Amino acid sequence: MAQSRADIAKRYREKHPERVKETIRKYRLNNKEKISKIRVERYLLNKESENLSSKRWYGRNKDYRKLYTKQYRSDNKKLFDGYKDLERFGGNKTAIFQRDNYVCRLCNATQSGNGKPLVIHHIDGSGGTQNINNNLTNLITLCNRCHHHTHRHQRKYNFTFSSIEDIVRTMARVIEEYRNIHPVPRRSYPSQNSNK
């Protein structure tokens, strides 16, 4: 019966383990560059295949990732909101809302009244910088629309407000002018008794 080369090599390794170790050691000493090059090639090949497989998985499971992220954020909403409040407003968010009675200081809109969410605005414009000023005198409650107008006015004229009274006085005038120039169109709804 003919034996395969693999069987012969296996029996030799079992019979002479010390000779095999010595042969491997000599080969590694004489071929360091070749071995290191092979190792690097194997490493890069494995890394590339790992990246490819993870890219494929993420590509195939976009919906799952979105759902998982959404679920994780909803499960940890208090954690995220608390972090944002502490990071962006120094933990003063609820204090500012309470001080301003949950009402926009420019247009008197409430969050529940017209559906516009209320936001906190840094009067001196330091909200997006490294040196955030979170003093209670520097924070004001605005609705989304007034907040947008305020930032627009600050960017357009490169203007910085100095106090709550300053922002209320200036922005009330600016928003009134804007509303006169761009009136909100009134929707007309068909009457309920109209014939079809």
N, C-alpha and C. Protein backbone atom coordinates (compact mmCIF):
# COMPACT_ATOMS: atom_id res chain seq x y z
N MET A 1 0.84 -1.17 0.00
CA MET A 1 0.00 0.00 0.00
C MET A 1 0.89 1.24 0.00
N ALA A 2 0.62 2.17 -0.89
CA ALA A 2 1.42 3.39 -1.02
C ALA A 2 0.98 4.41 0.02
N GLN A 3 1.97 5.03 0.62
CA GLN A 3 1.67 6.04 1.63
C GLN A 3 1.82 7.43 1.01
N SER A 4 0.97 8.36 1.47
CA SER A 4 1.06 9.73 0.95
C SER A 4 2.21 10.47 1.65
N ARG A 5 2.65 11.52 1.02
CA ARG A 5 3.75 12.31 1.60
C ARG A 5 3.35 12.91 2.94
N ALA A 6 2.06 13.29 3.08
CA ALA A 6 1.58 13.88 4.33
C ALA A 6 1.68 12.88 5.47
N ASP A 7 1.34 11.61 5.19
CA ASP A 7 1.41 10.59 6.23
C ASP A 7 2.87 10.34 6.65
N ILE A 8 3.77 10.30 5.66
CA ILE A 8 5.19 10.07 5.96
C ILE A 8 5.74 11.23 6.81
N ALA A 9 5.40 12.48 6.43
CA ALA A 9 5.88 13.65 7.18
C ALA A 9 5.32 13.66 8.59
N LYS A 10 4.07 13.27 8.75
CA LYS A 10 3.45 13.24 10.07
C LYS A 10 4.17 12.23 10.97
N ARG A 11 4.43 11.04 10.44
CA ARG A 11 5.11 10.01 11.23
C ARG A 11 6.53 10.46 11.60
N TYR A 12 7.22 11.13 10.67
CA TYR A 12 8.57 11.62 10.94
C TYR A 12 8.54 12.66 12.06
N ARG A 13 7.57 13.60 12.01
CA ARG A 13 7.46 14.63 13.07
C ARG A 13 7.18 14.00 14.43
N GLU A 14 6.38 12.93 14.44
CA GLU A 14 6.08 12.26 15.70
C GLU A 14 7.30 11.50 16.23
N LYS A 15 8.07 10.90 15.34
CA LYS A 15 9.22 10.09 15.72
C LYS A 15 10.42 10.94 16.14
N HIS A 16 10.62 12.08 15.45
CA HIS A 16 11.81 12.92 15.69
C HIS A 16 11.39 14.38 15.95
N PRO A 17 10.73 14.69 17.05
CA PRO A 17 10.27 16.08 17.30
C PRO A 17 11.44 17.06 17.48
N GLU A 18 12.54 16.62 18.10
CA GLU A 18 13.68 17.53 18.34
C GLU A 18 14.35 17.92 17.03
N ARG A 19 14.52 16.96 16.11
CA ARG A 19 15.11 17.26 14.81
C ARG A 19 14.25 18.27 14.04
N VAL A 20 12.93 18.11 14.11
CA VAL A 20 12.00 19.00 13.39
C VAL A 20 12.12 20.42 13.95
N LYS A 21 12.16 20.55 15.30
CA LYS A 21 12.29 21.87 15.93
C LYS A 21 13.60 22.55 15.51
N GLU A 22 14.67 21.78 15.50
CA GLU A 22 15.97 22.34 15.12
C GLU A 22 15.98 22.77 13.66
N THR A 23 15.37 21.99 12.78
CA THR A 23 15.30 22.34 11.36
C THR A 23 14.50 23.63 11.17
N ILE A 24 13.38 23.74 11.87
CA ILE A 24 12.53 24.95 11.77
C ILE A 24 13.31 26.17 12.28
N ARG A 25 14.04 26.01 13.40
CA ARG A 25 14.82 27.11 13.96
C ARG A 25 15.88 27.59 12.97
N LYS A 26 16.59 26.65 12.34
CA LYS A 26 17.61 27.01 11.37
C LYS A 26 16.99 27.72 10.16
N TYR A 27 15.85 27.23 9.70
CA TYR A 27 15.18 27.83 8.55
C TYR A 27 14.78 29.27 8.87
N ARG A 28 14.24 29.48 10.06
CA ARG A 28 13.80 30.84 10.47
C ARG A 28 15.00 31.80 10.57
N LEU A 29 16.12 31.29 11.07
CA LEU A 29 17.31 32.13 11.17
C LEU A 29 17.84 32.54 9.80
N ASN A 30 17.83 31.62 8.86
CA ASN A 30 18.37 31.87 7.53
C ASN A 30 17.40 32.65 6.63
N ASN A 31 16.12 32.70 6.94
CA ASN A 31 15.11 33.30 6.05
C ASN A 31 14.23 34.32 6.77
N LYS A 32 14.86 35.17 7.59
CA LYS A 32 14.09 36.14 8.38
C LYS A 32 13.29 37.10 7.50
N GLU A 33 13.93 37.65 6.47
CA GLU A 33 13.25 38.63 5.61
C GLU A 33 12.06 38.00 4.88
N LYS A 34 12.27 36.80 4.38
CA LYS A 34 11.21 36.11 3.66
C LYS A 34 10.02 35.83 4.58
N ILE A 35 10.31 35.39 5.80
CA ILE A 35 9.25 35.06 6.77
C ILE A 35 8.49 36.33 7.18
N SER A 36 9.23 37.42 7.45
CA SER A 36 8.56 38.65 7.87
C SER A 36 7.68 39.18 6.74
N LYS A 37 8.15 39.05 5.50
CA LYS A 37 7.35 39.50 4.37
C LYS A 37 6.07 38.67 4.25
N ILE A 38 6.18 37.37 4.44
CA ILE A 38 5.01 36.49 4.39
C ILE A 38 4.03 36.83 5.51
N ARG A 39 4.57 37.09 6.72
CA ARG A 39 3.70 37.43 7.85
C ARG A 39 2.95 38.73 7.59
N VAL A 40 3.65 39.72 7.05
CA VAL A 40 3.00 41.00 6.75
C VAL A 40 1.91 40.80 5.71
N GLU A 41 2.21 40.00 4.67
CA GLU A 41 1.21 39.74 3.63
C GLU A 41 -0.02 39.04 4.21
N ARG A 42 0.21 38.05 5.07
CA ARG A 42 -0.91 37.35 5.71
C ARG A 42 -1.74 38.30 6.57
N TYR A 43 -1.03 39.15 7.34
CA TYR A 43 -1.72 40.09 8.22
C TYR A 43 -2.60 41.04 7.40
N LEU A 44 -2.03 41.59 6.33
CA LEU A 44 -2.80 42.51 5.49
C LEU A 44 -3.98 41.81 4.83
N LEU A 45 -3.76 40.58 4.41
CA LEU A 45 -4.84 39.81 3.78
C LEU A 45 -5.97 39.57 4.78
N ASN A 46 -5.61 39.17 6.01
CA ASN A 46 -6.64 38.95 7.04
C ASN A 46 -7.37 40.24 7.38
N LYS A 47 -6.62 41.32 7.50
CA LYS A 47 -7.22 42.61 7.82
C LYS A 47 -8.19 43.03 6.74
N GLU A 48 -7.77 42.84 5.48
CA GLU A 48 -8.63 43.21 4.36
C GLU A 48 -9.90 42.37 4.35
N SER A 49 -9.78 41.08 4.61
CA SER A 49 -10.97 40.23 4.61
C SER A 49 -11.89 40.58 5.78
N GLU A 50 -11.31 40.96 6.95
CA GLU A 50 -12.14 41.39 8.08
C GLU A 50 -12.91 42.65 7.72
N ASN A 51 -12.20 43.62 7.12
CA ASN A 51 -12.86 44.86 6.73
C ASN A 51 -13.96 44.60 5.71
N LEU A 52 -13.65 43.73 4.75
CA LEU A 52 -14.64 43.41 3.73
C LEU A 52 -15.87 42.76 4.35
N SER A 53 -15.65 41.83 5.26
CA SER A 53 -16.80 41.13 5.84
C SER A 53 -17.63 42.06 6.70
N SER A 54 -16.97 42.96 7.46
CA SER A 54 -17.74 43.90 8.28
C SER A 54 -18.46 44.91 7.40
N LYS A 55 -17.82 45.35 6.32
CA LYS A 55 -18.49 46.27 5.39
C LYS A 55 -19.71 45.59 4.77
N ARG A 56 -19.54 44.33 4.39
CA ARG A 56 -20.67 43.60 3.82
C ARG A 56 -21.80 43.49 4.82
N TRP A 57 -21.45 43.16 6.08
CA TRP A 57 -22.49 43.01 7.10
C TRP A 57 -23.22 44.32 7.32
N TYR A 58 -22.46 45.41 7.47
CA TYR A 58 -23.09 46.71 7.69
C TYR A 58 -23.92 47.13 6.48
N GLY A 59 -23.42 46.80 5.29
CA GLY A 59 -24.17 47.12 4.08
C GLY A 59 -25.48 46.37 3.99
N ARG A 60 -25.47 45.12 4.41
CA ARG A 60 -26.68 44.30 4.33
C ARG A 60 -27.67 44.60 5.45
N ASN A 61 -27.19 45.17 6.55
CA ASN A 61 -28.04 45.35 7.73
C ASN A 61 -28.25 46.81 8.11
N LYS A 62 -28.42 47.67 7.11
CA LYS A 62 -28.61 49.09 7.37
C LYS A 62 -29.87 49.33 8.21
N ASP A 63 -30.95 48.67 7.83
CA ASP A 63 -32.22 48.87 8.54
C ASP A 63 -32.10 48.41 9.99
N TYR A 64 -31.43 47.30 10.21
CA TYR A 64 -31.24 46.79 11.57
C TYR A 64 -30.44 47.79 12.41
N ARG A 65 -29.37 48.34 11.82
CA ARG A 65 -28.53 49.30 12.54
C ARG A 65 -29.33 50.54 12.91
N LYS A 66 -30.14 51.05 11.95
CA LYS A 66 -30.95 52.23 12.24
C LYS A 66 -31.94 51.94 13.36
N LEU A 67 -32.59 50.79 13.28
CA LEU A 67 -33.57 50.42 14.29
C LEU A 67 -32.90 50.23 15.65
N TYR A 68 -31.73 49.58 15.66
CA TYR A 68 -31.01 49.35 16.92
C TYR A 68 -30.60 50.68 17.54
N THR A 69 -30.05 51.59 16.72
CA THR A 69 -29.63 52.89 17.23
C THR A 69 -30.80 53.67 17.78
N LYS A 70 -31.90 53.67 17.04
CA LYS A 70 -33.10 54.38 17.48
C LYS A 70 -33.61 53.80 18.79
N GLN A 71 -33.64 52.48 18.89
CA GLN A 71 -34.11 51.80 20.11
C GLN A 71 -33.19 52.11 21.27
N TYR A 72 -31.87 52.09 21.04
CA TYR A 72 -30.90 52.35 22.10
C TYR A 72 -31.07 53.78 22.62
N ARG A 73 -31.23 54.72 21.70
CA ARG A 73 -31.39 56.11 22.14
C ARG A 73 -32.69 56.33 22.87
N SER A 74 -33.76 55.68 22.43
CA SER A 74 -35.04 55.85 23.14
C SER A 74 -34.98 55.19 24.51
N ASP A 75 -34.29 54.05 24.62
CA ASP A 75 -34.15 53.39 25.92
C ASP A 75 -33.31 54.22 26.89
N ASN A 76 -32.36 54.99 26.35
CA ASN A 76 -31.45 55.77 27.18
C ASN A 76 -31.67 57.27 27.00
N LYS A 77 -32.92 57.68 26.76
CA LYS A 77 -33.23 59.08 26.48
C LYS A 77 -32.81 59.99 27.63
N LYS A 78 -33.09 59.57 28.86
CA LYS A 78 -32.73 60.41 30.01
C LYS A 78 -31.22 60.63 30.06
N LEU A 79 -30.47 59.59 29.76
CA LEU A 79 -29.01 59.69 29.77
C LEU A 79 -28.54 60.69 28.73
N PHE A 80 -29.06 60.58 27.49
CA PHE A 80 -28.67 61.48 26.41
C PHE A 80 -29.09 62.91 26.72
N ASP A 81 -30.34 63.11 27.17
CA ASP A 81 -30.84 64.45 27.46
C ASP A 81 -30.07 65.09 28.60
N GLY A 82 -29.79 64.30 29.65
CA GLY A 82 -29.03 64.83 30.77
C GLY A 82 -27.63 65.23 30.35
N TYR A 83 -27.00 64.42 29.49
CA TYR A 83 -25.66 64.74 29.01
C TYR A 83 -25.67 66.02 28.18
N LYS A 84 -26.67 66.11 27.26
CA LYS A 84 -26.76 67.31 26.43
C LYS A 84 -26.96 68.55 27.29
N ASP A 85 -27.86 68.45 28.28
CA ASP A 85 -28.13 69.59 29.15
C ASP A 85 -26.87 69.99 29.90
N LEU A 86 -26.18 69.02 30.46
CA LEU A 86 -24.97 69.32 31.23
C LEU A 86 -23.87 69.87 30.33
N GLU A 87 -23.71 69.27 29.15
CA GLU A 87 -22.65 69.66 28.23
C GLU A 87 -22.90 71.03 27.61
N ARG A 88 -24.14 71.29 27.18
CA ARG A 88 -24.42 72.49 26.41
C ARG A 88 -24.89 73.67 27.24
N PHE A 89 -25.54 73.40 28.38
CA PHE A 89 -26.12 74.50 29.17
C PHE A 89 -25.71 74.46 30.64
N GLY A 90 -24.73 73.66 30.98
CA GLY A 90 -24.25 73.60 32.34
C GLY A 90 -25.29 73.11 33.33
N GLY A 91 -26.28 72.34 32.87
CA GLY A 91 -27.33 71.82 33.75
C GLY A 91 -28.42 72.85 34.05
N ASN A 92 -28.44 73.96 33.31
CA ASN A 92 -29.39 75.05 33.58
C ASN A 92 -30.64 75.03 32.70
N LYS A 93 -30.84 74.01 31.91
CA LYS A 93 -31.93 74.01 30.95
C LYS A 93 -33.30 74.15 31.62
N THR A 94 -33.58 73.30 32.60
CA THR A 94 -34.90 73.38 33.25
C THR A 94 -35.04 74.68 34.04
N ALA A 95 -33.96 75.18 34.61
CA ALA A 95 -34.02 76.44 35.35
C ALA A 95 -34.39 77.60 34.42
N ILE A 96 -33.85 77.60 33.21
CA ILE A 96 -34.17 78.66 32.24
C ILE A 96 -35.61 78.54 31.79
N PHE A 97 -36.06 77.32 31.48
CA PHE A 97 -37.46 77.13 31.07
C PHE A 97 -38.40 77.61 32.18
N GLN A 98 -38.09 77.27 33.43
CA GLN A 98 -38.95 77.69 34.54
C GLN A 98 -38.91 79.20 34.72
N ARG A 99 -37.72 79.80 34.60
CA ARG A 99 -37.62 81.26 34.74
C ARG A 99 -38.46 81.99 33.71
N ASP A 100 -38.46 81.44 32.46
CA ASP A 100 -39.20 82.07 31.37
C ASP A 100 -40.61 81.52 31.23
N ASN A 101 -41.07 80.72 32.21
CA ASN A 101 -42.43 80.15 32.24
C ASN A 101 -42.77 79.32 31.01
N TYR A 102 -41.76 78.65 30.45
CA TYR A 102 -41.95 77.78 29.27
C TYR A 102 -42.60 78.55 28.12
N VAL A 103 -42.15 79.79 27.92
CA VAL A 103 -42.69 80.67 26.87
C VAL A 103 -41.53 81.31 26.13
N CYS A 104 -41.65 81.43 24.81
CA CYS A 104 -40.63 82.12 24.01
C CYS A 104 -40.62 83.59 24.43
N ARG A 105 -39.44 84.12 24.72
CA ARG A 105 -39.34 85.51 25.21
C ARG A 105 -39.58 86.53 24.09
N LEU A 106 -39.56 86.10 22.83
CA LEU A 106 -39.75 87.06 21.74
C LEU A 106 -41.19 87.09 21.23
N CYS A 107 -41.80 85.92 21.04
CA CYS A 107 -43.14 85.90 20.45
C CYS A 107 -44.20 85.33 21.39
N ASN A 108 -43.82 85.01 22.61
CA ASN A 108 -44.74 84.46 23.63
C ASN A 108 -45.38 83.14 23.22
N ALA A 109 -44.75 82.39 22.35
CA ALA A 109 -45.28 81.08 21.96
C ALA A 109 -44.94 80.05 23.03
N THR A 110 -45.90 79.17 23.29
CA THR A 110 -45.65 78.08 24.23
C THR A 110 -45.40 76.81 23.43
N GLN A 111 -44.77 75.86 24.05
CA GLN A 111 -44.45 74.63 23.34
C GLN A 111 -45.72 73.86 22.99
N SER A 112 -46.66 73.80 23.90
CA SER A 112 -47.87 73.03 23.65
C SER A 112 -48.87 73.82 22.83
N GLY A 113 -48.82 75.16 22.90
CA GLY A 113 -49.81 75.99 22.23
C GLY A 113 -49.78 75.88 20.72
N ASN A 114 -48.61 76.07 20.11
CA ASN A 114 -48.54 76.06 18.65
C ASN A 114 -47.65 74.96 18.11
N GLY A 115 -47.17 74.07 18.96
CA GLY A 115 -46.39 72.93 18.51
C GLY A 115 -44.95 73.26 18.20
N LYS A 116 -44.51 74.53 18.37
CA LYS A 116 -43.10 74.87 18.14
C LYS A 116 -42.30 74.45 19.36
N PRO A 117 -41.29 73.61 19.19
CA PRO A 117 -40.50 73.24 20.36
C PRO A 117 -39.68 74.43 20.86
N LEU A 118 -39.55 74.52 22.16
CA LEU A 118 -38.75 75.59 22.75
C LEU A 118 -37.30 75.15 22.87
N VAL A 119 -36.40 76.10 22.68
CA VAL A 119 -34.97 75.83 22.77
C VAL A 119 -34.31 76.89 23.64
N ILE A 120 -33.10 76.60 24.07
CA ILE A 120 -32.32 77.55 24.86
C ILE A 120 -31.28 78.19 23.93
N HIS A 121 -31.15 79.51 24.04
CA HIS A 121 -30.19 80.25 23.19
C HIS A 121 -29.17 80.94 24.07
N HIS A 122 -27.89 80.86 23.65
CA HIS A 122 -26.82 81.60 24.32
C HIS A 122 -26.81 83.02 23.74
N ILE A 123 -27.07 84.01 24.54
CA ILE A 123 -27.20 85.38 24.07
C ILE A 123 -25.92 85.89 23.43
N ASP A 124 -24.78 85.58 24.02
CA ASP A 124 -23.52 86.08 23.47
C ASP A 124 -22.99 85.21 22.32
N GLY A 125 -23.75 84.19 21.93
CA GLY A 125 -23.35 83.36 20.80
C GLY A 125 -22.25 82.37 21.11
N SER A 126 -22.02 82.08 22.39
CA SER A 126 -20.91 81.19 22.76
C SER A 126 -21.29 79.72 22.74
N GLY A 127 -22.50 79.38 22.32
CA GLY A 127 -22.97 78.00 22.37
C GLY A 127 -22.16 77.02 21.56
N GLY A 128 -21.66 77.43 20.42
CA GLY A 128 -20.92 76.52 19.56
C GLY A 128 -19.42 76.66 19.68
N THR A 129 -18.94 77.31 20.72
CA THR A 129 -17.50 77.53 20.87
C THR A 129 -16.94 76.67 22.00
N GLN A 130 -15.64 76.75 22.19
CA GLN A 130 -14.99 76.01 23.27
C GLN A 130 -15.27 76.63 24.63
N ASN A 131 -15.39 77.96 24.70
CA ASN A 131 -15.61 78.68 25.95
C ASN A 131 -17.08 79.04 26.09
N ILE A 132 -17.89 78.08 26.49
CA ILE A 132 -19.33 78.29 26.59
C ILE A 132 -19.65 79.05 27.88
N ASN A 133 -20.45 80.11 27.74
CA ASN A 133 -20.88 80.91 28.89
C ASN A 133 -22.28 80.43 29.28
N ASN A 134 -22.38 79.66 30.37
CA ASN A 134 -23.66 79.09 30.80
C ASN A 134 -24.27 79.83 31.99
N ASN A 135 -23.95 81.11 32.15
CA ASN A 135 -24.59 81.90 33.20
C ASN A 135 -26.08 82.02 32.92
N LEU A 136 -26.87 82.10 33.98
CA LEU A 136 -28.32 82.24 33.79
C LEU A 136 -28.67 83.53 33.06
N THR A 137 -27.85 84.56 33.20
CA THR A 137 -28.12 85.82 32.51
C THR A 137 -27.76 85.76 31.03
N ASN A 138 -27.07 84.71 30.61
CA ASN A 138 -26.68 84.56 29.20
C ASN A 138 -27.58 83.60 28.44
N LEU A 139 -28.52 82.97 29.10
CA LEU A 139 -29.40 81.98 28.46
C LEU A 139 -30.82 82.51 28.40
N ILE A 140 -31.50 82.23 27.28
CA ILE A 140 -32.87 82.71 27.08
C ILE A 140 -33.68 81.63 26.36
N THR A 141 -34.98 81.55 26.65
CA THR A 141 -35.86 80.58 26.01
C THR A 141 -36.43 81.19 24.73
N LEU A 142 -36.30 80.46 23.61
CA LEU A 142 -36.85 80.89 22.33
C LEU A 142 -37.56 79.72 21.67
N CYS A 143 -38.52 80.02 20.79
CA CYS A 143 -39.10 78.94 19.97
C CYS A 143 -38.17 78.72 18.79
N ASN A 144 -38.39 77.67 18.04
CA ASN A 144 -37.50 77.34 16.92
C ASN A 144 -37.43 78.47 15.90
N ARG A 145 -38.57 79.05 15.60
CA ARG A 145 -38.62 80.09 14.57
C ARG A 145 -37.81 81.32 15.00
N CYS A 146 -38.04 81.79 16.22
CA CYS A 146 -37.30 82.96 16.71
C CYS A 146 -35.81 82.64 16.87
N HIS A 147 -35.50 81.42 17.25
CA HIS A 147 -34.10 81.00 17.38
C HIS A 147 -33.40 81.07 16.02
N HIS A 148 -34.10 80.62 14.99
CA HIS A 148 -33.56 80.68 13.63
C HIS A 148 -33.33 82.13 13.21
N HIS A 149 -34.34 82.99 13.44
CA HIS A 149 -34.20 84.40 13.09
C HIS A 149 -33.04 85.06 13.83
N THR A 150 -32.88 84.71 15.09
CA THR A 150 -31.81 85.31 15.90
C THR A 150 -30.44 84.94 15.34
N HIS A 151 -30.24 83.67 15.04
CA HIS A 151 -28.95 83.25 14.47
C HIS A 151 -28.71 83.87 13.10
N ARG A 152 -29.76 83.95 12.32
CA ARG A 152 -29.65 84.54 10.99
C ARG A 152 -29.22 86.01 11.10
N HIS A 153 -29.85 86.73 12.02
CA HIS A 153 -29.51 88.14 12.22
C HIS A 153 -28.07 88.29 12.71
N GLN A 154 -27.65 87.42 13.62
CA GLN A 154 -26.28 87.50 14.14
C GLN A 154 -25.25 87.22 13.05
N ARG A 155 -25.54 86.23 12.18
CA ARG A 155 -24.60 85.92 11.09
C ARG A 155 -24.58 87.04 10.05
N LYS A 156 -25.78 87.54 9.71
CA LYS A 156 -25.89 88.53 8.64
C LYS A 156 -25.14 89.82 8.99
N TYR A 157 -25.30 90.29 10.21
CA TYR A 157 -24.70 91.57 10.61
C TYR A 157 -23.48 91.40 11.50
N ASN A 158 -23.03 90.16 11.71
CA ASN A 158 -21.89 89.88 12.58
C ASN A 158 -22.09 90.60 13.92
N PHE A 159 -23.22 90.33 14.51
CA PHE A 159 -23.69 91.07 15.68
C PHE A 159 -23.71 90.16 16.90
N THR A 160 -23.32 90.69 18.06
CA THR A 160 -23.38 89.95 19.31
C THR A 160 -24.25 90.71 20.30
N PHE A 161 -25.20 90.01 20.89
CA PHE A 161 -26.06 90.63 21.88
C PHE A 161 -25.35 90.64 23.22
N SER A 162 -25.77 91.58 24.10
CA SER A 162 -25.09 91.70 25.39
C SER A 162 -25.98 91.33 26.57
N SER A 163 -27.32 91.42 26.42
CA SER A 163 -28.20 91.12 27.55
C SER A 163 -29.54 90.60 27.03
N ILE A 164 -30.35 90.11 27.96
CA ILE A 164 -31.67 89.61 27.59
C ILE A 164 -32.51 90.74 27.02
N GLU A 165 -32.47 91.92 27.63
CA GLU A 165 -33.25 93.07 27.15
C GLU A 165 -32.82 93.47 25.75
N ASP A 166 -31.51 93.42 25.50
CA ASP A 166 -30.97 93.77 24.19
C ASP A 166 -31.50 92.83 23.11
N ILE A 167 -31.46 91.53 23.39
CA ILE A 167 -31.93 90.56 22.39
C ILE A 167 -33.43 90.67 22.18
N VAL A 168 -34.19 90.89 23.25
CA VAL A 168 -35.65 90.99 23.12
C VAL A 168 -36.00 92.23 22.30
N ARG A 169 -35.39 93.37 22.61
CA ARG A 169 -35.69 94.62 21.91
C ARG A 169 -35.32 94.53 20.43
N THR A 170 -34.10 94.07 20.14
CA THR A 170 -33.62 94.01 18.76
C THR A 170 -34.38 92.97 17.94
N MET A 171 -34.51 91.77 18.48
CA MET A 171 -35.11 90.68 17.70
C MET A 171 -36.62 90.85 17.53
N ALA A 172 -37.30 91.48 18.48
CA ALA A 172 -38.73 91.74 18.30
C ALA A 172 -38.94 92.64 17.09
N ARG A 173 -38.08 93.65 16.95
CA ARG A 173 -38.17 94.56 15.80
C ARG A 173 -37.84 93.80 14.50
N VAL A 174 -36.76 93.01 14.52
CA VAL A 174 -36.34 92.28 13.32
C VAL A 174 -37.41 91.28 12.88
N ILE A 175 -37.98 90.54 13.83
CA ILE A 175 -38.98 89.54 13.49
C ILE A 175 -40.24 90.20 12.97
N GLU A 176 -40.62 91.32 13.55
CA GLU A 176 -41.80 92.05 13.07
C GLU A 176 -41.59 92.53 11.64
N GLU A 177 -40.39 93.06 11.35
CA GLU A 177 -40.07 93.49 9.98
C GLU A 177 -40.12 92.29 9.02
N TYR A 178 -39.58 91.18 9.44
CA TYR A 178 -39.58 89.97 8.60
C TYR A 178 -41.00 89.52 8.29
N ARG A 179 -41.86 89.54 9.31
CA ARG A 179 -43.24 89.09 9.11
C ARG A 179 -44.00 90.04 8.20
N ASN A 180 -43.67 91.34 8.21
CA ASN A 180 -44.32 92.29 7.31
C ASN A 180 -43.87 92.06 5.87
N ILE A 181 -42.60 91.70 5.70
CA ILE A 181 -42.08 91.46 4.35
C ILE A 181 -42.56 90.10 3.82
N HIS A 182 -42.56 89.08 4.69
CA HIS A 182 -42.93 87.72 4.31
C HIS A 182 -44.15 87.27 5.12
N PRO A 183 -45.33 87.72 4.77
CA PRO A 183 -46.50 87.29 5.55
C PRO A 183 -46.78 85.80 5.35
N VAL A 184 -47.31 85.19 6.38
CA VAL A 184 -47.64 83.77 6.30
C VAL A 184 -48.94 83.63 5.52
N PRO A 185 -48.94 82.86 4.42
CA PRO A 185 -50.18 82.73 3.64
C PRO A 185 -51.23 81.97 4.42
N ARG A 186 -52.46 82.44 4.29
CA ARG A 186 -53.56 81.76 4.96
C ARG A 186 -54.09 80.66 4.04
N ARG A 187 -54.33 79.51 4.62
CA ARG A 187 -54.86 78.40 3.83
C ARG A 187 -56.37 78.51 3.77
N SER A 188 -56.90 78.22 2.63
CA SER A 188 -58.35 78.18 2.51
C SER A 188 -58.75 76.71 2.39
N TYR A 189 -59.66 76.31 3.22
CA TYR A 189 -60.12 74.93 3.23
C TYR A 189 -61.49 74.86 2.58
N PRO A 190 -61.75 73.81 1.82
CA PRO A 190 -63.08 73.68 1.21
C PRO A 190 -64.14 73.52 2.31
N SER A 191 -65.27 74.10 2.05
CA SER A 191 -66.35 73.99 3.06
C SER A 191 -66.83 72.56 3.13
N GLN A 192 -67.38 72.22 4.28
CA GLN A 192 -67.82 70.84 4.49
C GLN A 192 -69.09 70.52 3.71
N ASN A 193 -69.89 71.54 3.38
CA ASN A 193 -71.16 71.30 2.70
C ASN A 193 -71.04 71.35 1.19
N SER A 194 -69.83 71.50 0.65
CA SER A 194 -69.68 71.62 -0.80
C SER A 194 -70.00 70.30 -1.48
N ASN A 195 -70.61 70.38 -2.66
CA ASN A 195 -70.94 69.18 -3.43
C ASN A 195 -69.74 68.69 -4.19
N LYS A 196 -69.62 67.40 -4.28
CA LYS A 196 -68.46 66.81 -4.97
C LYS A 196 -68.79 66.50 -6.39
